[in-house]
PDB file of N, CA and C in Angstrom:
ATOM      1  N   MET A   1      35.063 144.227  90.083  1.00  0.00           N
ATOM      2  CA  MET A   1      35.296 145.565  89.596  1.00  0.00           C
ATOM      3  C   MET A   1      35.844 145.532  88.168  1.00  0.00           C
ATOM      4  N   LEU A   2      36.683 144.549  87.866  1.00  0.00           N
ATOM      5  CA  LEU A   2      37.191 144.452  86.502  1.00  0.00           C
ATOM      6  C   LEU A   2      36.066 144.183  85.514  1.00  0.00           C
ATOM      7  N   ASP A   3      35.023 143.518  85.979  1.00  0.00           N
ATOM      8  CA  ASP A   3      33.873 143.273  85.121  1.00  0.00           C
ATOM      9  C   ASP A   3      33.254 144.602  84.679  1.00  0.00           C
ATOM     10  N   LEU A   4      33.065 145.513  85.609  1.00  0.00           N
ATOM     11  CA  LEU A   4      32.503 146.824  85.272  1.00  0.00           C
ATOM     12  C   LEU A   4      33.485 147.636  84.439  1.00  0.00           C
ATOM     13  N   LEU A   5      34.757 147.612  84.792  1.00  0.00           N
ATOM     14  CA  LEU A   5      35.753 148.368  84.025  1.00  0.00           C
ATOM     15  C   LEU A   5      35.857 147.885  82.582  1.00  0.00           C
ATOM     16  N   SER A   6      35.666 146.605  82.376  1.00  0.00           N
ATOM     17  CA  SER A   6      35.809 146.047  81.027  1.00  0.00           C
ATOM     18  C   SER A   6      34.501 146.051  80.249  1.00  0.00           C
ATOM     19  N   ALA A   7      33.405 146.427  80.901  1.00  0.00           N
ATOM     20  CA  ALA A   7      32.083 146.387  80.266  1.00  0.00           C
ATOM     21  C   ALA A   7      31.958 147.420  79.150  1.00  0.00           C
ATOM     22  N   GLU A   8      31.036 147.145  78.247  1.00  0.00           N
ATOM     23  CA  GLU A   8      30.753 148.089  77.163  1.00  0.00           C
ATOM     24  C   GLU A   8      30.223 149.399  77.750  1.00  0.00           C
ATOM     25  N   PRO A   9      30.422 150.506  77.039  1.00  0.00           N
ATOM     26  CA  PRO A   9      30.012 151.817  77.558  1.00  0.00           C
ATOM     27  C   PRO A   9      28.543 151.897  77.966  1.00  0.00           C
ATOM     28  N   ASP A  10      27.656 151.233  77.236  1.00  0.00           N
ATOM     29  CA  ASP A  10      26.240 151.317  77.598  1.00  0.00           C
ATOM     30  C   ASP A  10      25.977 150.653  78.948  1.00  0.00           C
ATOM     31  N   ARG A  11      26.677 149.576  79.237  1.00  0.00           N
ATOM     32  CA  ARG A  11      26.520 148.926  80.545  1.00  0.00           C
ATOM     33  C   ARG A  11      27.100 149.786  81.660  1.00  0.00           C
ATOM     34  N   GLN A  12      28.238 150.424  81.378  1.00  0.00           N
ATOM     35  CA  GLN A  12      28.823 151.322  82.364  1.00  0.00           C
ATOM     36  C   GLN A  12      27.877 152.499  82.639  1.00  0.00           C
ATOM     37  N   ALA A  13      27.319 153.067  81.593  1.00  0.00           N
ATOM     38  CA  ALA A  13      26.389 154.190  81.752  1.00  0.00           C
ATOM     39  C   ALA A  13      25.154 153.758  82.530  1.00  0.00           C
ATOM     40  N   ALA A  14      24.646 152.572  82.250  1.00  0.00           N
ATOM     41  CA  ALA A  14      23.478 152.062  82.976  1.00  0.00           C
ATOM     42  C   ALA A  14      23.808 151.904  84.459  1.00  0.00           C
ATOM     43  N   TYR A  15      24.997 151.424  84.761  1.00  0.00           N
ATOM     44  CA  TYR A  15      25.424 151.297  86.157  1.00  0.00           C
ATOM     45  C   TYR A  15      25.442 152.666  86.831  1.00  0.00           C
ATOM     46  N   LEU A  16      26.014 153.649  86.154  1.00  0.00           N
ATOM     47  CA  LEU A  16      26.105 154.994  86.723  1.00  0.00           C
ATOM     48  C   LEU A  16      24.717 155.575  86.974  1.00  0.00           C
ATOM     49  N   GLN A  17      23.833 155.396  86.009  1.00  0.00           N
ATOM     50  CA  GLN A  17      22.471 155.914  86.161  1.00  0.00           C
ATOM     51  C   GLN A  17      21.751 155.213  87.314  1.00  0.00           C
ATOM     52  N   ALA A  18      21.862 153.905  87.389  1.00  0.00           N
ATOM     53  CA  ALA A  18      21.185 153.146  88.445  1.00  0.00           C
ATOM     54  C   ALA A  18      21.753 153.485  89.823  1.00  0.00           C
ATOM     55  N   SER A  19      23.045 153.770  89.884  1.00  0.00           N
ATOM     56  CA  SER A  19      23.699 154.058  91.154  1.00  0.00           C
ATOM     57  C   SER A  19      23.600 155.528  91.550  1.00  0.00           C
ATOM     58  N   GLY A  20      23.288 156.370  90.574  1.00  0.00           N
ATOM     59  CA  GLY A  20      23.209 157.806  90.848  1.00  0.00           C
ATOM     60  C   GLY A  20      24.552 158.442  91.134  1.00  0.00           C
ATOM     61  N   VAL A  21      25.606 157.913  90.490  1.00  0.00           N
ATOM     62  CA  VAL A  21      26.958 158.435  90.703  1.00  0.00           C
ATOM     63  C   VAL A  21      27.551 158.871  89.366  1.00  0.00           C
ATOM     64  N   GLY A  22      28.648 159.605  89.443  1.00  0.00           N
ATOM     65  CA  GLY A  22      29.347 160.040  88.248  1.00  0.00           C
ATOM     66  C   GLY A  22      30.348 159.006  87.786  1.00  0.00           C
ATOM     67  N   ALA A  23      30.873 159.220  86.597  1.00  0.00           N
ATOM     68  CA  ALA A  23      31.814 158.269  85.993  1.00  0.00           C
ATOM     69  C   ALA A  23      33.082 158.112  86.826  1.00  0.00           C
ATOM     70  N   ASP A  24      33.442 159.135  87.580  1.00  0.00           N
ATOM     71  CA  ASP A  24      34.636 159.016  88.410  1.00  0.00           C
ATOM     72  C   ASP A  24      34.498 157.920  89.467  1.00  0.00           C
ATOM     73  N   GLU A  25      33.270 157.559  89.810  1.00  0.00           N
ATOM     74  CA  GLU A  25      33.044 156.509  90.807  1.00  0.00           C
ATOM     75  C   GLU A  25      33.615 155.170  90.349  1.00  0.00           C
ATOM     76  N   ILE A  26      33.610 154.918  89.054  1.00  0.00           N
ATOM     77  CA  ILE A  26      34.173 153.667  88.534  1.00  0.00           C
ATOM     78  C   ILE A  26      35.658 153.582  88.905  1.00  0.00           C
ATOM     79  N   LEU A  27      36.369 154.691  88.720  1.00  0.00           N
ATOM     80  CA  LEU A  27      37.797 154.690  89.041  1.00  0.00           C
ATOM     81  C   LEU A  27      38.032 154.693  90.544  1.00  0.00           C
ATOM     82  N   LEU A  28      37.168 155.353  91.291  1.00  0.00           N
ATOM     83  CA  LEU A  28      37.309 155.351  92.749  1.00  0.00           C
ATOM     84  C   LEU A  28      37.145 153.942  93.308  1.00  0.00           C
ATOM     85  N   GLN A  29      36.194 153.193  92.760  1.00  0.00           N
ATOM     86  CA  GLN A  29      36.004 151.817  93.207  1.00  0.00           C
ATOM     87  C   GLN A  29      37.206 150.948  92.843  1.00  0.00           C
ATOM     88  N   PHE A  30      37.760 151.177  91.664  1.00  0.00           N
ATOM     89  CA  PHE A  30      38.950 150.415  91.271  1.00  0.00           C
ATOM     90  C   PHE A  30      40.115 150.761  92.192  1.00  0.00           C
ATOM     91  N   ASP A  31      40.246 152.021  92.578  1.00  0.00           N
ATOM     92  CA  ASP A  31      41.297 152.419  93.503  1.00  0.00           C
ATOM     93  C   ASP A  31      41.167 151.670  94.826  1.00  0.00           C
ATOM     94  N   ASP A  32      39.936 151.487  95.280  1.00  0.00           N
ATOM     95  CA  ASP A  32      39.707 150.698  96.499  1.00  0.00           C
ATOM     96  C   ASP A  32      40.198 149.262  96.314  1.00  0.00           C
ATOM     97  N   VAL A  33      39.954 148.699  95.140  1.00  0.00           N
ATOM     98  CA  VAL A  33      40.414 147.341  94.839  1.00  0.00           C
ATOM     99  C   VAL A  33      41.936 147.273  94.918  1.00  0.00           C
ATOM    100  N   LEU A  34      42.613 148.293  94.408  1.00  0.00           N
ATOM    101  CA  LEU A  34      44.080 148.298  94.450  1.00  0.00           C
ATOM    102  C   LEU A  34      44.605 148.305  95.886  1.00  0.00           C
ATOM    103  N   HIS A  35      43.946 149.042  96.769  1.00  0.00           N
ATOM    104  CA  HIS A  35      44.367 149.061  98.172  1.00  0.00           C
ATOM    105  C   HIS A  35      44.249 147.660  98.784  1.00  0.00           C
ATOM    106  N   VAL A  36      43.167 146.997  98.508  1.00  0.00           N
ATOM    107  CA  VAL A  36      42.973 145.634  99.002  1.00  0.00           C
ATOM    108  C   VAL A  36      44.017 144.704  98.375  1.00  0.00           C
ATOM    109  N   ALA A  37      44.265 144.881  97.076  1.00  0.00           N
ATOM    110  CA  ALA A  37      45.238 144.031  96.382  1.00  0.00           C
ATOM    111  C   ALA A  37      46.630 144.183  96.994  1.00  0.00           C
ATOM    112  N   ARG A  38      47.018 145.420  97.329  1.00  0.00           N
ATOM    113  CA  ARG A  38      48.331 145.623  97.961  1.00  0.00           C
ATOM    114  C   ARG A  38      48.425 144.830  99.271  1.00  0.00           C
ATOM    115  N   ALA A  39      47.367 144.883 100.052  1.00  0.00           N
ATOM    116  CA  ALA A  39      47.363 144.138 101.312  1.00  0.00           C
ATOM    117  C   ALA A  39      47.432 142.639 101.054  1.00  0.00           C
ATOM    118  N   ARG A  40      46.742 142.186 100.013  1.00  0.00           N
ATOM    119  CA  ARG A  40      46.733 140.755  99.704  1.00  0.00           C
ATOM    120  C   ARG A  40      48.100 140.289  99.200  1.00  0.00           C
ATOM    121  N   VAL A  41      48.830 141.158  98.524  1.00  0.00           N
ATOM    122  CA  VAL A  41      50.200 140.794  98.139  1.00  0.00           C
ATOM    123  C   VAL A  41      51.033 140.639  99.408  1.00  0.00           C
ATOM    124  N   GLY A  42      50.807 141.535 100.347  1.00  0.00           N
ATOM    125  CA  GLY A  42      51.541 141.481 101.609  1.00  0.00           C
ATOM    126  C   GLY A  42      51.289 140.204 102.390  1.00  0.00           C
ATOM    127  N   ASP A  43      50.042 139.712 102.371  1.00  0.00           N
ATOM    128  CA  ASP A  43      49.760 138.465 103.096  1.00  0.00           C
ATOM    129  C   ASP A  43      49.871 137.235 102.194  1.00  0.00           C
ATOM    130  N   ARG A  44      50.325 137.458 100.978  1.00  0.00           N
ATOM    131  CA  ARG A  44      50.598 136.406  99.988  1.00  0.00           C
ATOM    132  C   ARG A  44      49.353 135.663  99.499  1.00  0.00           C
ATOM    133  N   SER A  45      48.184 136.294  99.641  1.00  0.00           N
ATOM    134  CA  SER A  45      46.982 135.687  99.067  1.00  0.00           C
ATOM    135  C   SER A  45      46.757 136.175  97.637  1.00  0.00           C
ATOM    136  N   LEU A  46      47.623 137.080  97.174  1.00  0.00           N
ATOM    137  CA  LEU A  46      47.632 137.539  95.787  1.00  0.00           C
ATOM    138  C   LEU A  46      49.093 137.585  95.353  1.00  0.00           C
ATOM    139  N   SER A  47      49.379 136.996  94.214  1.00  0.00           N
ATOM    140  CA  SER A  47      50.779 136.966  93.760  1.00  0.00           C
ATOM    141  C   SER A  47      51.199 138.327  93.211  1.00  0.00           C
ATOM    142  N   HIS A  48      52.497 138.513  93.175  1.00  0.00           N
ATOM    143  CA  HIS A  48      53.039 139.755  92.619  1.00  0.00           C
ATOM    144  C   HIS A  48      52.643 139.901  91.151  1.00  0.00           C
ATOM    145  N   GLU A  49      52.642 138.801  90.406  1.00  0.00           N
ATOM    146  CA  GLU A  49      52.262 138.833  88.993  1.00  0.00           C
ATOM    147  C   GLU A  49      50.802 139.262  88.828  1.00  0.00           C
ATOM    148  N   GLU A  50      49.943 138.747  89.703  1.00  0.00           N
ATOM    149  CA  GLU A  50      48.527 139.129  89.643  1.00  0.00           C
ATOM    150  C   GLU A  50      48.371 140.613  89.970  1.00  0.00           C
ATOM    151  N   TYR A  51      49.131 141.077  90.933  1.00  0.00           N
ATOM    152  CA  TYR A  51      49.091 142.502  91.275  1.00  0.00           C
ATOM    153  C   TYR A  51      49.575 143.357  90.105  1.00  0.00           C
ATOM    154  N   LEU A  52      50.583 142.898  89.399  1.00  0.00           N
ATOM    155  CA  LEU A  52      51.075 143.652  88.239  1.00  0.00           C
ATOM    156  C   LEU A  52      50.003 143.786  87.160  1.00  0.00           C
ATOM    157  N   MET A  53      49.162 142.768  87.027  1.00  0.00           N
ATOM    158  CA  MET A  53      48.043 142.866  86.074  1.00  0.00           C
ATOM    159  C   MET A  53      47.113 144.010  86.472  1.00  0.00           C
ATOM    160  N   LEU A  54      46.830 144.114  87.758  1.00  0.00           N
ATOM    161  CA  LEU A  54      45.990 145.211  88.241  1.00  0.00           C
ATOM    162  C   LEU A  54      46.691 146.554  88.065  1.00  0.00           C
ATOM    163  N   GLN A  55      47.990 146.570  88.247  1.00  0.00           N
ATOM    164  CA  GLN A  55      48.756 147.793  88.049  1.00  0.00           C
ATOM    165  C   GLN A  55      48.689 148.274  86.598  1.00  0.00           C
ATOM    166  N   SER A  56      48.669 147.335  85.658  1.00  0.00           N
ATOM    167  CA  SER A  56      48.574 147.737  84.249  1.00  0.00           C
ATOM    168  C   SER A  56      47.244 148.436  83.982  1.00  0.00           C
ATOM    169  N   VAL A  57      46.197 147.969  84.639  1.00  0.00           N
ATOM    170  CA  VAL A  57      44.894 148.626  84.518  1.00  0.00           C
ATOM    171  C   VAL A  57      44.960 149.997  85.179  1.00  0.00           C
ATOM    172  N   ASP A  58      45.639 150.079  86.302  1.00  0.00           N
ATOM    173  CA  ASP A  58      45.765 151.349  87.009  1.00  0.00           C
ATOM    174  C   ASP A  58      46.455 152.401  86.144  1.00  0.00           C
ATOM    175  N   GLY A  59      47.407 151.983  85.348  1.00  0.00           N
ATOM    176  CA  GLY A  59      48.070 152.924  84.444  1.00  0.00           C
ATOM    177  C   GLY A  59      47.087 153.538  83.457  1.00  0.00           C
ATOM    178  N   ARG A  60      46.186 152.731  82.951  1.00  0.00           N
ATOM    179  CA  ARG A  60      45.152 153.237  82.038  1.00  0.00           C
ATOM    180  C   ARG A  60      44.138 154.104  82.789  1.00  0.00           C
ATOM    181  N   ALA A  61      43.849 153.731  84.033  1.00  0.00           N
ATOM    182  CA  ALA A  61      42.940 154.539  84.852  1.00  0.00           C
ATOM    183  C   ALA A  61      43.547 155.919  85.098  1.00  0.00           C
ATOM    184  N   ASP A  62      44.858 155.958  85.281  1.00  0.00           N
ATOM    185  CA  ASP A  62      45.535 157.246  85.452  1.00  0.00           C
ATOM    186  C   ASP A  62      45.380 158.120  84.213  1.00  0.00           C
ATOM    187  N   SER A  63      45.391 157.504  83.023  1.00  0.00           N
ATOM    188  CA  SER A  63      45.191 158.263  81.787  1.00  0.00           C
ATOM    189  C   SER A  63      43.801 158.880  81.739  1.00  0.00           C
ATOM    190  N   VAL A  64      42.816 158.126  82.213  1.00  0.00           N
ATOM    191  CA  VAL A  64      41.453 158.670  82.271  1.00  0.00           C
ATOM    192  C   VAL A  64      41.420 159.825  83.262  1.00  0.00           C
ATOM    193  N   SER A  65      42.005 159.624  84.428  1.00  0.00           N
ATOM    194  CA  SER A  65      41.995 160.657  85.470  1.00  0.00           C
ATOM    195  C   SER A  65      42.690 161.932  85.019  1.00  0.00           C
ATOM    196  N   ALA A  66      43.689 161.788  84.172  1.00  0.00           N
ATOM    197  CA  ALA A  66      44.431 162.955  83.693  1.00  0.00           C
ATOM    198  C   ALA A  66      43.659 163.738  82.635  1.00  0.00           C
ATOM    199  N   GLY A  67      42.555 163.175  82.168  1.00  0.00           N
ATOM    200  CA  GLY A  67      41.765 163.838  81.137  1.00  0.00           C
ATOM    201  C   GLY A  67      41.069 165.075  81.662  1.00  0.00           C
ATOM    202  N   SER A  68      40.557 165.841  80.749  1.00  0.00           N
ATOM    203  CA  SER A  68      39.857 167.072  81.111  1.00  0.00           C
ATOM    204  C   SER A  68      38.454 166.752  81.633  1.00  0.00           C
ATOM    205  N   GLU A  69      37.756 167.743  82.106  1.00  0.00           N
ATOM    206  CA  GLU A  69      36.422 167.573  82.694  1.00  0.00           C
ATOM    207  C   GLU A  69      35.472 166.768  81.810  1.00  0.00           C
ATOM    208  N   PRO A  70      35.457 166.951  80.478  1.00  0.00           N
ATOM    209  CA  PRO A  70      34.522 166.171  79.661  1.00  0.00           C
ATOM    210  C   PRO A  70      34.759 164.653  79.692  1.00  0.00           C
ATOM    211  N   ILE A  71      35.893 164.205  80.241  1.00  0.00           N
ATOM    212  CA  ILE A  71      36.181 162.766  80.294  1.00  0.00           C
ATOM    213  C   ILE A  71      35.199 162.052  81.224  1.00  0.00           C
ATOM    214  N   TRP A  72      34.516 162.796  82.092  1.00  0.00           N
ATOM    215  CA  TRP A  72      33.645 162.212  83.102  1.00  0.00           C
ATOM    216  C   TRP A  72      32.187 162.139  82.672  1.00  0.00           C
ATOM    217  N   THR A  73      31.918 162.338  81.402  1.00  0.00           N
ATOM    218  CA  THR A  73      30.540 162.272  80.917  1.00  0.00           C
ATOM    219  C   THR A  73      30.232 160.893  80.348  1.00  0.00           C
ATOM    220  N   GLU A  74      28.947 160.605  80.226  1.00  0.00           N
ATOM    221  CA  GLU A  74      28.550 159.328  79.623  1.00  0.00           C
ATOM    222  C   GLU A  74      28.931 159.282  78.147  1.00  0.00           C
ATOM    223  N   VAL A  75      28.932 160.413  77.498  1.00  0.00           N
ATOM    224  CA  VAL A  75      29.368 160.466  76.095  1.00  0.00           C
ATOM    225  C   VAL A  75      30.837 160.068  76.003  1.00  0.00           C
ATOM    226  N   ALA A  76      31.629 160.546  76.947  1.00  0.00           N
ATOM    227  CA  ALA A  76      33.062 160.213  76.941  1.00  0.00           C
ATOM    228  C   ALA A  76      33.287 158.719  77.166  1.00  0.00           C
ATOM    229  N   LEU A  77      32.425 158.091  77.967  1.00  0.00           N
ATOM    230  CA  LEU A  77      32.551 156.643  78.156  1.00  0.00           C
ATOM    231  C   LEU A  77      32.575 155.930  76.808  1.00  0.00           C
ATOM    232  N   GLU A  78      31.776 156.415  75.892  1.00  0.00           N
ATOM    233  CA  GLU A  78      31.665 155.795  74.573  1.00  0.00           C
ATOM    234  C   GLU A  78      32.742 156.276  73.611  1.00  0.00           C
ATOM    235  N   GLU A  79      33.084 157.559  73.682  1.00  0.00           N
ATOM    236  CA  GLU A  79      33.896 158.156  72.625  1.00  0.00           C
ATOM    237  C   GLU A  79      35.369 158.364  72.960  1.00  0.00           C
ATOM    238  N   ALA A  80      35.702 158.536  74.225  1.00  0.00           N
ATOM    239  CA  ALA A  80      37.080 158.885  74.585  1.00  0.00           C
ATOM    240  C   ALA A  80      38.009 157.678  74.462  1.00  0.00           C
ATOM    241  N   VAL A  81      39.136 157.898  73.839  1.00  0.00           N
ATOM    242  CA  VAL A  81      40.127 156.833  73.655  1.00  0.00           C
ATOM    243  C   VAL A  81      40.636 156.338  75.010  1.00  0.00           C
ATOM    244  N   GLU A  82      40.725 157.229  76.000  1.00  0.00           N
ATOM    245  CA  GLU A  82      41.206 156.825  77.319  1.00  0.00           C
ATOM    246  C   GLU A  82      40.298 155.761  77.948  1.00  0.00           C
ATOM    247  N   TRP A  83      38.981 155.938  77.804  1.00  0.00           N
ATOM    248  CA  TRP A  83      38.049 154.940  78.339  1.00  0.00           C
ATOM    249  C   TRP A  83      38.146 153.632  77.557  1.00  0.00           C
ATOM    250  N   ARG A  84      38.308 153.718  76.233  1.00  0.00           N
ATOM    251  CA  ARG A  84      38.445 152.496  75.422  1.00  0.00           C
ATOM    252  C   ARG A  84      39.691 151.719  75.840  1.00  0.00           C
ATOM    253  N   GLU A  85      40.796 152.434  76.018  1.00  0.00           N
ATOM    254  CA  GLU A  85      42.040 151.774  76.410  1.00  0.00           C
ATOM    255  C   GLU A  85      41.937 151.183  77.815  1.00  0.00           C
ATOM    256  N   LEU A  86      41.223 151.867  78.708  1.00  0.00           N
ATOM    257  CA  LEU A  86      41.003 151.332  80.050  1.00  0.00           C
ATOM    258  C   LEU A  86      40.170 150.052  79.983  1.00  0.00           C
ATOM    259  N   ARG A  87      39.121 150.056  79.185  1.00  0.00           N
ATOM    260  CA  ARG A  87      38.300 148.840  79.042  1.00  0.00           C
ATOM    261  C   ARG A  87      39.132 147.690  78.491  1.00  0.00           C
ATOM    262  N   ALA A  88      39.960 147.964  77.501  1.00  0.00           N
ATOM    263  CA  ALA A  88      40.800 146.910  76.907  1.00  0.00           C
ATOM    264  C   ALA A  88      41.779 146.351  77.936  1.00  0.00           C
ATOM    265  N   ALA A  89      42.428 147.220  78.705  1.00  0.00           N
ATOM    266  CA  ALA A  89      43.372 146.761  79.732  1.00  0.00           C
ATOM    267  C   ALA A  89      42.646 145.945  80.799  1.00  0.00           C
ATOM    268  N   ALA A  90      41.444 146.371  81.173  1.00  0.00           N
ATOM    269  CA  ALA A  90      40.666 145.641  82.178  1.00  0.00           C
ATOM    270  C   ALA A  90      40.271 144.262  81.661  1.00  0.00           C
ATOM    271  N   ARG A  91      39.936 144.170  80.376  1.00  0.00           N
ATOM    272  CA  ARG A  91      39.581 142.864  79.794  1.00  0.00           C
ATOM    273  C   ARG A  91      40.765 141.911  79.840  1.00  0.00           C
ATOM    274  N   VAL A  92      41.930 142.410  79.478  1.00  0.00           N
ATOM    275  CA  VAL A  92      43.140 141.577  79.492  1.00  0.00           C
ATOM    276  C   VAL A  92      43.439 141.113  80.914  1.00  0.00           C
ATOM    277  N   ALA A  93      43.399 142.034  81.864  1.00  0.00           N
ATOM    278  CA  ALA A  93      43.685 141.678  83.254  1.00  0.00           C
ATOM    279  C   ALA A  93      42.654 140.698  83.786  1.00  0.00           C
ATOM    280  N   LYS A  94      41.393 140.935  83.495  1.00  0.00           N
ATOM    281  CA  LYS A  94      40.323 140.049  83.973  1.00  0.00           C
ATOM    282  C   LYS A  94      40.532 138.632  83.439  1.00  0.00           C
ATOM    283  N   ALA A  95      40.797 138.516  82.146  1.00  0.00           N
ATOM    284  CA  ALA A  95      41.004 137.192  81.542  1.00  0.00           C
ATOM    285  C   ALA A  95      42.231 136.506  82.141  1.00  0.00           C
ATOM    286  N   SER A  96      43.294 137.252  82.333  1.00  0.00           N
ATOM    287  CA  SER A  96      44.518 136.678  82.900  1.00  0.00           C
ATOM    288  C   SER A  96      44.300 136.222  84.338  1.00  0.00           C
ATOM    289  N   LEU A  97      43.637 137.051  85.131  1.00  0.00           N
ATOM    290  CA  LEU A  97      43.384 136.675  86.526  1.00  0.00           C
ATOM    291  C   LEU A  97      42.443 135.485  86.614  1.00  0.00           C
ATOM    292  N   GLU A  98      41.432 135.450  85.762  1.00  0.00           N
ATOM    293  CA  GLU A  98      40.516 134.300  85.759  1.00  0.00           C
ATOM    294  C   GLU A  98      41.262 133.017  85.434  1.00  0.00           C
ATOM    295  N   ARG A  99      42.171 133.082  84.445  1.00  0.00           N
ATOM    296  CA  ARG A  99      42.977 131.899  84.104  1.00  0.00           C
ATOM    297  C   ARG A  99      43.848 131.485  85.287  1.00  0.00           C
ATOM    298  N   SER A 100      44.487 132.461  85.891  1.00  0.00           N
ATOM    299  CA  SER A 100      45.379 132.183  87.018  1.00  0.00           C
ATOM    300  C   SER A 100      44.612 131.568  88.182  1.00  0.00           C
ATOM    301  N   TRP A 101      43.481 132.148  88.515  1.00  0.00           N
ATOM    302  CA  TRP A 101      42.705 131.649  89.645  1.00  0.00           C
ATOM    303  C   TRP A 101      42.083 130.293  89.332  1.00  0.00           C
ATOM    304  N   SER A 102      41.702 130.084  88.080  1.00  0.00           N
ATOM    305  CA  SER A 102      41.171 128.789  87.682  1.00  0.00           C
ATOM    306  C   SER A 102      42.256 127.727  87.801  1.00  0.00           C
ATOM    307  N   GLN A 103      43.464 128.057  87.408  1.00  0.00           N
ATOM    308  CA  GLN A 103      44.601 127.147  87.518  1.00  0.00           C
ATOM    309  C   GLN A 103      44.868 126.832  88.975  1.00  0.00           C
ATOM    310  N   ASP A 104      44.787 127.855  89.850  1.00  0.00           N
ATOM    311  CA  ASP A 104      45.001 127.640  91.282  1.00  0.00           C
ATOM    312  C   ASP A 104      43.979 126.651  91.837  1.00  0.00           C
ATOM    313  N   VAL A 105      42.710 126.798  91.420  1.00  0.00           N
ATOM    314  CA  VAL A 105      41.662 125.900  91.881  1.00  0.00           C
ATOM    315  C   VAL A 105      41.921 124.480  91.375  1.00  0.00           C
ATOM    316  N   ASP A 106      42.316 124.375  90.101  1.00  0.00           N
ATOM    317  CA  ASP A 106      42.617 123.055  89.535  1.00  0.00           C
ATOM    318  C   ASP A 106      43.778 122.404  90.289  1.00  0.00           C
ATOM    319  N   ASP A 107      44.822 123.191  90.573  1.00  0.00           N
ATOM    320  CA  ASP A 107      45.977 122.651  91.300  1.00  0.00           C
ATOM    321  C   ASP A 107      45.588 122.211  92.702  1.00  0.00           C
ATOM    322  N   SER A 108      44.728 122.985  93.357  1.00  0.00           N
ATOM    323  CA  SER A 108      44.290 122.636  94.708  1.00  0.00           C
ATOM    324  C   SER A 108      43.461 121.344  94.681  1.00  0.00           C
ATOM    325  N   SER A 109      42.615 121.218  93.668  1.00  0.00           N
ATOM    326  CA  SER A 109      41.792 120.011  93.552  1.00  0.00           C
ATOM    327  C   SER A 109      42.663 118.777  93.345  1.00  0.00           C
ATOM    328  N   LYS A 110      43.684 118.920  92.510  1.00  0.00           N
ATOM    329  CA  LYS A 110      44.571 117.794  92.235  1.00  0.00           C
ATOM    330  C   LYS A 110      45.332 117.386  93.487  1.00  0.00           C
ATOM    331  N   SER A 111      45.754 118.367  94.279  1.00  0.00           N
ATOM    332  CA  SER A 111      46.507 118.023  95.487  1.00  0.00           C
ATOM    333  C   SER A 111      45.603 117.370  96.527  1.00  0.00           C
ATOM    334  N   LEU A 112      44.328 117.743  96.541  1.00  0.00           N
ATOM    335  CA  LEU A 112      43.375 117.109  97.460  1.00  0.00           C
ATOM    336  C   LEU A 112      43.053 115.687  97.009  1.00  0.00           C
ATOM    337  N   ASP A 113      43.041 115.466  95.690  1.00  0.00           N
ATOM    338  CA  ASP A 113      42.743 114.129  95.150  1.00  0.00           C
ATOM    339  C   ASP A 113      43.907 113.169  95.372  1.00  0.00           C
ATOM    340  N   GLY A 114      45.124 113.751  95.385  1.00  0.00           N
ATOM    341  CA  GLY A 114      46.315 112.930  95.437  1.00  0.00           C
ATOM    342  C   GLY A 114      46.550 112.357  96.752  1.00  0.00           C
TER     343      GLY A 114
END
């Protein structure tokens, strides 16, 4: 989901057109991810720090949601500052989580080798 949230506006618009859904669907799907993430923090398969990265994206998603009706257009995907800031936050979170998960895999491999 972070891949779609961080994607360029033309890719997001193409997704919406192919799926036949409105721009709000992007945020609805991210909201679903947050529900799963909360559960994963509870079972400790997601760290609190990783969850905080998702929360930072959620803050930007809230800014989009607070926008007026025109925020949900494909034009707004390209032009609205709220969407730009959401994409930037998603990119940061995605990169951080990828680093964290890559480190986890490396650590697991080392412990198996040892």
